[in-house]
Amino acid sequence: GSHAGVHGPVDITSADRLARQLLSACRGGTLPLTVDLTRVTNLASAGVRALYQVREQLAVHKQKLTLVAAPGSSAGIVLRLVRLPHVAR
């Protein structure tokens, strides 16, 4: 599969670009994708929507999205709140 690292804030200004980059990294959902969110400073609702969008596209091709976030971090807390499965690191 492919790996992508995300850093800084993921909000309304960067979410669409993030979704495009992630979809490109997993070849439109045809390859499993691991996204490292440990360096994300702020995961806003637009970012969550982008991650769901990528996950749905992967699901179409029966591929898996693995999200990695640091416990207690902004991204980790938000992922838990919105029930997006993730791996703590």
Protein backbone atom coordinates (compact mmCIF):
# COMPACT_ATOMS: atom_id res chain seq x y z
CA GLY A 1 0.00 0.00 0.00
CA SER A 2 0.95 3.65 0.09
CA HIS A 3 1.85 5.99 2.94
CA ALA A 4 1.17 9.70 3.37
CA GLY A 5 2.29 12.05 6.14
CA VAL A 6 0.18 15.07 6.97
CA HIS A 7 1.38 18.01 9.06
CA GLY A 8 0.06 21.36 10.28
CA PRO A 9 -3.62 22.35 10.38
CA VAL A 10 -6.17 20.48 8.29
CA ASP A 11 -9.08 22.87 7.89
CA ILE A 12 -11.39 24.36 5.29
CA THR A 13 -8.44 25.91 3.43
CA SER A 14 -6.44 22.70 3.10
CA ALA A 15 -9.00 19.85 3.26
CA ASP A 16 -9.79 19.69 -0.48
CA ARG A 17 -6.11 19.68 -1.36
CA LEU A 18 -5.51 16.96 1.24
CA ALA A 19 -8.29 14.79 -0.19
CA ARG A 20 -6.84 15.16 -3.70
CA GLN A 21 -3.32 14.31 -2.50
CA LEU A 22 -4.51 11.26 -0.55
CA LEU A 23 -6.63 9.99 -3.46
CA SER A 24 -3.63 10.44 -5.72
CA ALA A 25 -1.40 8.56 -3.24
CA CYS A 26 -3.76 5.57 -3.19
CA ARG A 27 -4.35 5.74 -6.96
CA GLY A 28 -8.00 6.72 -6.62
CA GLY A 29 -8.66 4.16 -3.91
CA THR A 30 -7.16 1.13 -5.64
CA LEU A 31 -4.26 0.77 -3.16
CA PRO A 32 -4.56 0.53 0.64
CA LEU A 33 -3.47 3.77 2.29
CA THR A 34 -1.85 4.64 5.62
CA VAL A 35 -2.11 8.28 6.66
CA ASP A 36 0.14 9.53 9.46
CA LEU A 37 -1.60 12.37 11.30
CA THR A 38 0.85 12.58 14.21
CA ARG A 39 2.13 15.99 13.05
CA VAL A 40 -1.32 17.51 12.47
CA THR A 41 -1.83 20.54 14.73
CA ASN A 42 -5.57 20.96 14.18
CA LEU A 43 -8.03 18.56 12.56
CA ALA A 44 -11.13 20.59 11.70
CA SER A 45 -14.48 19.22 10.51
CA ALA A 46 -13.52 19.85 6.87
CA GLY A 47 -10.49 17.63 7.42
CA VAL A 48 -12.67 14.91 8.95
CA ARG A 49 -14.96 15.09 5.90
CA ALA A 50 -11.91 14.75 3.62
CA LEU A 51 -10.79 11.62 5.50
CA TYR A 52 -14.27 10.10 5.28
CA GLN A 53 -14.34 10.89 1.55
CA VAL A 54 -11.02 9.09 1.02
CA ARG A 55 -12.15 6.16 3.19
CA GLU A 56 -15.36 5.79 1.13
CA GLN A 57 -13.39 5.86 -2.12
CA LEU A 58 -11.08 3.13 -0.78
CA ALA A 59 -14.09 1.10 0.40
CA VAL A 60 -15.46 1.12 -3.17
CA HIS A 61 -12.31 -0.79 -4.17
CA LYS A 62 -12.39 -2.90 -0.97
CA GLN A 63 -9.18 -1.27 0.24
CA LYS A 64 -8.35 -0.13 3.76
CA LEU A 65 -7.59 3.32 5.13
CA THR A 66 -5.33 3.25 8.19
CA LEU A 67 -5.12 6.49 10.16
CA VAL A 68 -2.29 7.00 12.64
CA ALA A 69 -2.57 9.64 15.38
CA ALA A 70 -0.83 10.38 18.67
CA PRO A 71 -3.03 9.69 21.74
CA GLY A 72 -4.32 12.93 23.27
CA SER A 73 -3.33 14.97 20.20
CA SER A 74 -5.80 17.20 18.36
CA ALA A 75 -6.17 14.63 15.59
CA GLY A 76 -6.38 11.70 18.03
CA ILE A 77 -9.14 13.36 20.07
CA VAL A 78 -11.15 14.37 16.99
CA LEU A 79 -10.86 10.92 15.39
CA ARG A 80 -12.16 9.35 18.59
CA LEU A 81 -15.06 11.83 18.75
CA VAL A 82 -16.14 11.18 15.17
CA ARG A 83 -15.50 7.43 15.55
CA LEU A 84 -13.00 7.20 12.71
CA PRO A 85 -10.92 4.09 13.46
CA HIS A 86 -7.24 4.86 13.97
CA VAL A 87 -4.03 3.49 15.34
CA ALA A 88 -2.31 5.25 18.23
CA ARG A 89 1.39 6.00 17.85
